[in-house]
Amino acid sequence: MAAKADGVTIRITSGRRSVAKQQRLFDAAVKKYGSYQAATRWVLPPKYSDHVHGKAVDIGPAAAMTWLNKNGWRYGVCRRYDNEPWHFEALSAPGKKCPPREPYAVAKAD
């Protein structure tokens, strides 16, 4: 409601993902970026992905990303990674400051 009052529409472009879908996304990222480690900066394997656990959303458009980045702390919703302005997670209690962002996702090598 607050975003709408500010003239901003927030769209969830991706929310909870199945293990199979996350694996497909990760496999495509490995192909695109050339290695497991490079791919994890953009897509995590299913066992590390908060999308698989239903704890992360990707949003759009750009105005929504900007609005939620500025106001999400009021609702406990925080941008987690510097390199993914579309990715948000419930990382704090509503009204509490968001934790510092991480540069990008990191997963251990399997």
Protein backbone atom coordinates (compact mmCIF):
# COMPACT_ATOMS: atom_id res chain seq x y z
CA MET A 1 0.00 0.00 0.00
CA ALA A 2 2.78 2.45 0.86
CA ALA A 3 4.51 1.90 -2.49
CA LYS A 4 1.22 2.37 -4.32
CA ALA A 5 0.61 5.59 -2.39
CA ASP A 6 3.99 6.75 -3.69
CA GLY A 7 2.96 5.86 -7.25
CA VAL A 8 5.14 2.73 -7.40
CA THR A 9 3.94 -0.70 -8.50
CA ILE A 10 5.95 -3.63 -7.15
CA ARG A 11 5.81 -6.81 -9.21
CA ILE A 12 7.23 -10.10 -8.03
CA THR A 13 9.10 -11.48 -11.03
CA SER A 14 10.26 -14.62 -9.22
CA GLY A 15 9.45 -16.02 -5.82
CA ARG A 16 9.57 -19.56 -4.51
CA ARG A 17 11.24 -21.92 -6.97
CA SER A 18 11.27 -25.68 -7.13
CA VAL A 19 14.58 -27.49 -6.72
CA ALA A 20 14.34 -28.52 -10.39
CA LYS A 21 13.81 -24.95 -11.61
CA GLN A 22 16.65 -23.62 -9.45
CA GLN A 23 18.92 -26.36 -10.79
CA ARG A 24 18.04 -25.43 -14.38
CA LEU A 25 18.80 -21.77 -13.65
CA PHE A 26 22.08 -22.70 -12.00
CA ASP A 27 23.14 -25.04 -14.82
CA ALA A 28 22.44 -22.25 -17.33
CA ALA A 29 24.52 -19.83 -15.24
CA VAL A 30 27.46 -22.28 -15.13
CA LYS A 31 27.28 -22.50 -18.90
CA LYS A 32 27.06 -18.71 -19.26
CA TYR A 33 29.78 -17.77 -16.74
CA GLY A 34 32.10 -20.73 -17.32
CA SER A 35 32.46 -22.16 -13.81
CA TYR A 36 30.62 -23.17 -10.67
CA GLN A 37 32.24 -20.38 -8.66
CA ALA A 38 31.51 -17.64 -11.22
CA ALA A 39 27.90 -18.80 -11.60
CA THR A 40 27.26 -18.60 -7.86
CA ARG A 41 27.71 -14.83 -7.98
CA TRP A 42 24.39 -14.71 -9.85
CA VAL A 43 22.51 -17.97 -9.18
CA LEU A 44 22.94 -20.35 -6.28
CA PRO A 45 22.58 -24.13 -6.43
CA PRO A 46 19.25 -25.30 -5.00
CA LYS A 47 20.57 -26.28 -1.59
CA TYR A 48 21.88 -22.73 -1.00
CA SER A 49 19.06 -20.75 -2.62
CA ASP A 50 16.59 -18.86 -0.45
CA HIS A 51 14.21 -18.92 -3.43
CA VAL A 52 13.92 -22.70 -2.98
CA HIS A 53 13.12 -22.19 0.69
CA GLY A 54 10.49 -19.54 -0.12
CA LYS A 55 12.47 -16.81 1.62
CA ALA A 56 13.44 -14.61 -1.34
CA VAL A 57 11.76 -12.67 -4.11
CA ASP A 58 12.95 -10.92 -7.21
CA ILE A 59 11.01 -7.78 -8.07
CA GLY A 60 10.56 -5.26 -10.83
CA PRO A 61 10.40 -2.76 -12.42
CA ALA A 62 13.39 -0.55 -11.63
CA ALA A 63 11.29 2.02 -9.74
CA ALA A 64 10.07 -0.78 -7.46
CA MET A 65 13.64 -1.90 -6.79
CA THR A 66 14.60 1.65 -5.85
CA TRP A 67 11.54 2.12 -3.65
CA LEU A 68 11.94 -1.20 -1.81
CA ASN A 69 15.67 -0.65 -1.36
CA LYS A 70 14.88 2.65 0.36
CA ASN A 71 11.76 1.60 2.30
CA GLY A 72 11.90 -2.17 2.72
CA TRP A 73 13.46 -1.99 6.19
CA ARG A 74 10.11 -0.71 7.45
CA TYR A 75 8.67 -4.12 6.57
CA GLY A 76 11.71 -6.27 7.35
CA VAL A 77 12.48 -6.70 3.65
CA CYS A 78 16.04 -6.04 2.58
CA ARG A 79 18.13 -6.08 -0.54
CA ARG A 80 20.75 -8.74 0.11
CA TYR A 81 23.34 -8.42 -2.68
CA ASP A 82 25.05 -5.41 -4.28
CA ASN A 83 25.01 -7.04 -7.71
CA GLU A 84 21.30 -7.97 -7.67
CA PRO A 85 19.12 -4.87 -7.23
CA TRP A 86 16.03 -7.03 -7.85
CA HIS A 87 16.65 -9.60 -5.05
CA PHE A 88 15.03 -9.08 -1.64
CA GLU A 89 14.71 -11.20 1.49
CA ALA A 90 13.13 -10.91 4.93
CA LEU A 91 16.40 -10.21 6.77
CA SER A 92 15.30 -8.06 9.70
CA ALA A 93 12.32 -7.38 11.93
CA PRO A 94 9.97 -4.69 10.59
CA GLY A 95 11.29 -1.25 11.52
CA LYS A 96 14.81 -2.52 12.19
CA LYS A 97 17.81 -1.57 10.08
CA CYS A 98 18.73 -4.00 7.29
CA PRO A 99 22.07 -5.78 7.62
CA PRO A 100 24.91 -4.62 5.36
CA ARG A 101 24.61 -5.93 1.82
CA GLU A 102 26.91 -8.64 0.58
CA PRO A 103 28.79 -8.00 -2.69
CA TYR A 104 27.26 -11.15 -4.25
CA ALA A 105 26.09 -14.61 -3.30
CA VAL A 106 28.65 -17.19 -2.27
CA ALA A 107 28.22 -20.96 -2.18
CA LYS A 108 30.68 -23.62 -1.23
CA ALA A 109 31.94 -25.87 -4.01
CA ASP A 110 30.23 -29.23 -4.05
